[in-house]
Amino acid sequence: MTKLYSQKDSKSLIQDIGSIFEEGKKQAYKIVNNILVETYREIGKRIVEFEQKGKITSQYGSKLLINLSKELSPYGKGFSRSNLTYMYFI
């Protein structure tokens, strides 16, 4: 029985496959990150529009973000008041 490939070729193939896989992961992370940024921007836009109720500015000192943080907790940990504040100002 003869070997179809040498050990050197095998290492090269493994490195090549590893490089392809790592590049694919990087691209996936970038795509997911872009989608998350757009999602957070849209959430912030909706909060601003809701709070302003069609006016140019909103009422100062509103507890909207605190209440939203509590109400959005079923969707995950990413909706703390501070995270909502960041979304609000994106």
N, C-alpha and C. Protein backbone atom coordinates (compact mmCIF):
# COMPACT_ATOMS: atom_id res chain seq x y z
N MET A 1 0.84 -1.18 0.00
CA MET A 1 0.00 0.00 0.00
C MET A 1 0.89 1.25 0.00
N THR A 2 0.64 2.17 -0.87
CA THR A 2 1.46 3.37 -0.98
C THR A 2 0.71 4.57 -0.43
N LYS A 3 1.47 5.52 0.08
CA LYS A 3 0.87 6.77 0.57
C LYS A 3 0.50 7.64 -0.62
N LEU A 4 -0.68 8.25 -0.55
CA LEU A 4 -1.12 9.13 -1.63
C LEU A 4 -0.58 10.54 -1.47
N TYR A 5 -0.10 10.85 -0.27
CA TYR A 5 0.43 12.18 -0.03
C TYR A 5 1.53 12.06 1.02
N SER A 6 2.41 13.03 1.02
CA SER A 6 3.49 13.00 2.00
C SER A 6 3.05 13.76 3.25
N GLN A 7 3.78 13.59 4.32
CA GLN A 7 3.47 14.29 5.56
C GLN A 7 3.62 15.79 5.38
N LYS A 8 4.58 16.20 4.57
CA LYS A 8 4.78 17.63 4.28
C LYS A 8 3.55 18.19 3.58
N ASP A 9 3.03 17.45 2.60
CA ASP A 9 1.83 17.90 1.89
C ASP A 9 0.64 17.98 2.85
N SER A 10 0.57 17.04 3.75
CA SER A 10 -0.52 17.00 4.72
C SER A 10 -0.51 18.24 5.61
N LYS A 11 0.66 18.61 6.11
CA LYS A 11 0.79 19.81 6.94
C LYS A 11 0.38 21.05 6.16
N SER A 12 0.77 21.11 4.92
CA SER A 12 0.42 22.24 4.08
C SER A 12 -1.10 22.32 3.89
N LEU A 13 -1.71 21.17 3.67
CA LEU A 13 -3.17 21.13 3.50
C LEU A 13 -3.88 21.57 4.77
N ILE A 14 -3.41 21.10 5.91
CA ILE A 14 -4.01 21.47 7.19
C ILE A 14 -3.88 22.97 7.42
N GLN A 15 -2.71 23.54 7.13
CA GLN A 15 -2.52 24.99 7.29
C GLN A 15 -3.43 25.76 6.35
N ASP A 16 -3.56 25.28 5.14
CA ASP A 16 -4.41 25.94 4.15
C ASP A 16 -5.87 25.92 4.60
N ILE A 17 -6.34 24.77 5.05
CA ILE A 17 -7.72 24.65 5.53
C ILE A 17 -7.92 25.53 6.76
N GLY A 18 -6.94 25.54 7.66
CA GLY A 18 -7.02 26.39 8.85
C GLY A 18 -7.12 27.86 8.49
N SER A 19 -6.35 28.29 7.52
CA SER A 19 -6.38 29.69 7.07
C SER A 19 -7.74 30.05 6.48
N ILE A 20 -8.27 29.15 5.66
CA ILE A 20 -9.60 29.38 5.06
C ILE A 20 -10.65 29.50 6.16
N PHE A 21 -10.59 28.59 7.14
CA PHE A 21 -11.55 28.60 8.23
C PHE A 21 -11.46 29.88 9.05
N GLU A 22 -10.25 30.29 9.41
CA GLU A 22 -10.06 31.51 10.20
C GLU A 22 -10.55 32.75 9.44
N GLU A 23 -10.28 32.82 8.15
CA GLU A 23 -10.75 33.95 7.34
C GLU A 23 -12.28 33.97 7.29
N GLY A 24 -12.88 32.81 7.18
CA GLY A 24 -14.35 32.73 7.19
C GLY A 24 -14.93 33.21 8.51
N LYS A 25 -14.29 32.84 9.61
CA LYS A 25 -14.76 33.31 10.92
C LYS A 25 -14.66 34.83 11.04
N LYS A 26 -13.55 35.39 10.57
CA LYS A 26 -13.37 36.84 10.61
C LYS A 26 -14.48 37.55 9.83
N GLN A 27 -14.76 37.04 8.64
CA GLN A 27 -15.81 37.64 7.82
C GLN A 27 -17.17 37.53 8.50
N ALA A 28 -17.44 36.39 9.11
CA ALA A 28 -18.71 36.20 9.81
C ALA A 28 -18.84 37.17 10.97
N TYR A 29 -17.76 37.35 11.75
CA TYR A 29 -17.78 38.29 12.87
C TYR A 29 -18.06 39.71 12.39
N LYS A 30 -17.44 40.10 11.27
CA LYS A 30 -17.65 41.44 10.73
C LYS A 30 -19.10 41.64 10.31
N ILE A 31 -19.67 40.64 9.64
CA ILE A 31 -21.05 40.74 9.18
C ILE A 31 -22.00 40.83 10.37
N VAL A 32 -21.80 39.96 11.36
CA VAL A 32 -22.66 39.97 12.55
C VAL A 32 -22.51 41.30 13.28
N ASN A 33 -21.30 41.80 13.41
CA ASN A 33 -21.08 43.07 14.09
C ASN A 33 -21.80 44.21 13.37
N ASN A 34 -21.72 44.24 12.05
CA ASN A 34 -22.42 45.28 11.29
C ASN A 34 -23.93 45.20 11.50
N ILE A 35 -24.46 43.99 11.50
CA ILE A 35 -25.90 43.81 11.72
C ILE A 35 -26.29 44.29 13.12
N LEU A 36 -25.47 43.96 14.13
CA LEU A 36 -25.77 44.40 15.49
C LEU A 36 -25.72 45.92 15.61
N VAL A 37 -24.74 46.55 14.99
CA VAL A 37 -24.66 48.02 15.04
C VAL A 37 -25.90 48.64 14.41
N GLU A 38 -26.32 48.13 13.28
CA GLU A 38 -27.53 48.65 12.62
C GLU A 38 -28.77 48.39 13.48
N THR A 39 -28.82 47.23 14.12
CA THR A 39 -29.95 46.90 14.99
C THR A 39 -30.01 47.87 16.16
N TYR A 40 -28.88 48.10 16.81
CA TYR A 40 -28.83 49.02 17.95
C TYR A 40 -29.16 50.45 17.52
N ARG A 41 -28.71 50.83 16.34
CA ARG A 41 -29.02 52.16 15.82
C ARG A 41 -30.53 52.31 15.62
N GLU A 42 -31.16 51.29 15.08
CA GLU A 42 -32.61 51.33 14.85
C GLU A 42 -33.37 51.35 16.18
N ILE A 43 -32.89 50.58 17.16
CA ILE A 43 -33.52 50.59 18.49
C ILE A 43 -33.41 51.99 19.09
N GLY A 44 -32.23 52.59 19.02
CA GLY A 44 -32.05 53.94 19.53
C GLY A 44 -32.94 54.95 18.84
N LYS A 45 -33.07 54.82 17.52
CA LYS A 45 -33.94 55.72 16.75
C LYS A 45 -35.38 55.60 17.23
N ARG A 46 -35.84 54.37 17.44
CA ARG A 46 -37.22 54.16 17.91
C ARG A 46 -37.44 54.76 19.30
N ILE A 47 -36.44 54.62 20.16
CA ILE A 47 -36.55 55.19 21.51
C ILE A 47 -36.65 56.71 21.43
N VAL A 48 -35.79 57.33 20.63
CA VAL A 48 -35.82 58.79 20.48
C VAL A 48 -37.16 59.25 19.92
N GLU A 49 -37.63 58.59 18.88
CA GLU A 49 -38.91 58.97 18.28
C GLU A 49 -40.05 58.81 19.27
N PHE A 50 -40.04 57.75 20.05
CA PHE A 50 -41.08 57.53 21.04
C PHE A 50 -41.03 58.60 22.13
N GLU A 51 -39.83 58.87 22.61
CA GLU A 51 -39.67 59.83 23.70
C GLU A 51 -40.01 61.26 23.27
N GLN A 52 -39.66 61.61 22.05
CA GLN A 52 -39.91 62.97 21.59
C GLN A 52 -41.35 63.19 21.16
N LYS A 53 -42.04 62.14 20.83
CA LYS A 53 -43.45 62.23 20.41
C LYS A 53 -43.66 63.29 19.34
N GLY A 54 -42.77 63.31 18.35
CA GLY A 54 -42.90 64.24 17.24
C GLY A 54 -42.32 65.63 17.49
N LYS A 55 -41.85 65.89 18.69
CA LYS A 55 -41.26 67.18 19.00
C LYS A 55 -39.77 67.16 18.68
N ILE A 56 -39.16 68.32 18.65
CA ILE A 56 -37.73 68.42 18.34
C ILE A 56 -36.89 67.88 19.50
N THR A 57 -37.30 68.13 20.72
CA THR A 57 -36.56 67.64 21.88
C THR A 57 -37.49 66.82 22.77
N SER A 58 -36.90 66.08 23.68
CA SER A 58 -37.70 65.26 24.59
C SER A 58 -37.72 65.89 25.97
N GLN A 59 -38.57 65.33 26.82
CA GLN A 59 -38.68 65.80 28.19
C GLN A 59 -37.43 65.37 28.95
N TYR A 60 -36.79 66.29 29.64
CA TYR A 60 -35.56 65.98 30.36
C TYR A 60 -35.89 65.15 31.60
N GLY A 61 -35.07 64.17 31.87
CA GLY A 61 -35.22 63.38 33.08
C GLY A 61 -36.24 62.25 32.97
N SER A 62 -36.62 61.90 31.79
CA SER A 62 -37.58 60.82 31.61
C SER A 62 -37.01 59.51 32.13
N LYS A 63 -37.87 58.68 32.71
CA LYS A 63 -37.45 57.37 33.21
C LYS A 63 -37.67 56.28 32.17
N LEU A 64 -37.83 56.68 30.94
CA LEU A 64 -38.12 55.73 29.87
C LEU A 64 -37.05 54.65 29.77
N LEU A 65 -35.78 55.02 29.80
CA LEU A 65 -34.72 54.03 29.64
C LEU A 65 -34.68 53.04 30.79
N ILE A 66 -34.95 53.49 32.00
CA ILE A 66 -35.00 52.60 33.15
C ILE A 66 -36.13 51.60 32.99
N ASN A 67 -37.30 52.09 32.60
CA ASN A 67 -38.46 51.21 32.42
C ASN A 67 -38.24 50.24 31.25
N LEU A 68 -37.70 50.74 30.16
CA LEU A 68 -37.42 49.86 29.01
C LEU A 68 -36.44 48.76 29.38
N SER A 69 -35.43 49.11 30.15
CA SER A 69 -34.44 48.13 30.56
C SER A 69 -35.10 46.97 31.30
N LYS A 70 -36.02 47.28 32.17
CA LYS A 70 -36.74 46.24 32.92
C LYS A 70 -37.63 45.42 31.99
N GLU A 71 -38.35 46.10 31.13
CA GLU A 71 -39.31 45.42 30.25
C GLU A 71 -38.64 44.58 29.16
N LEU A 72 -37.44 44.96 28.76
CA LEU A 72 -36.73 44.24 27.70
C LEU A 72 -35.84 43.12 28.22
N SER A 73 -35.80 42.93 29.53
CA SER A 73 -34.94 41.90 30.10
C SER A 73 -35.20 40.49 29.55
N PRO A 74 -36.44 40.12 29.15
CA PRO A 74 -36.62 38.79 28.56
C PRO A 74 -35.84 38.58 27.26
N TYR A 75 -35.41 39.66 26.61
CA TYR A 75 -34.68 39.56 25.35
C TYR A 75 -33.18 39.39 25.55
N GLY A 76 -32.72 39.43 26.79
CA GLY A 76 -31.30 39.23 27.06
C GLY A 76 -30.72 40.31 27.94
N LYS A 77 -29.43 40.15 28.23
CA LYS A 77 -28.73 41.06 29.14
C LYS A 77 -28.28 42.35 28.45
N GLY A 78 -28.43 42.46 27.16
CA GLY A 78 -27.93 43.60 26.41
C GLY A 78 -28.76 44.86 26.51
N PHE A 79 -29.79 44.84 27.35
CA PHE A 79 -30.68 45.99 27.42
C PHE A 79 -30.63 46.69 28.78
N SER A 80 -29.44 46.81 29.33
CA SER A 80 -29.28 47.59 30.56
C SER A 80 -29.56 49.05 30.24
N ARG A 81 -29.78 49.84 31.28
CA ARG A 81 -30.04 51.27 31.05
C ARG A 81 -28.86 51.92 30.35
N SER A 82 -27.65 51.53 30.75
CA SER A 82 -26.47 52.14 30.12
C SER A 82 -26.36 51.73 28.64
N ASN A 83 -26.64 50.47 28.32
CA ASN A 83 -26.60 50.05 26.91
C ASN A 83 -27.68 50.77 26.11
N LEU A 84 -28.86 50.92 26.68
CA LEU A 84 -29.92 51.65 25.98
C LEU A 84 -29.51 53.10 25.76
N THR A 85 -28.79 53.68 26.71
CA THR A 85 -28.30 55.05 26.56
C THR A 85 -27.35 55.13 25.37
N TYR A 86 -26.45 54.14 25.24
CA TYR A 86 -25.54 54.12 24.09
C TYR A 86 -26.31 54.01 22.79
N MET A 87 -27.32 53.16 22.77
CA MET A 87 -28.13 53.00 21.56
C MET A 87 -28.84 54.30 21.23
N TYR A 88 -29.29 54.97 22.25
CA TYR A 88 -30.01 56.23 22.13
C TYR A 88 -29.17 57.30 21.45
N PHE A 89 -27.86 57.27 21.70
CA PHE A 89 -26.98 58.30 21.16
C PHE A 89 -26.16 57.86 19.96
N ILE A 90 -26.43 56.68 19.40
CA ILE A 90 -25.69 56.23 18.21
C ILE A 90 -26.08 57.10 17.03
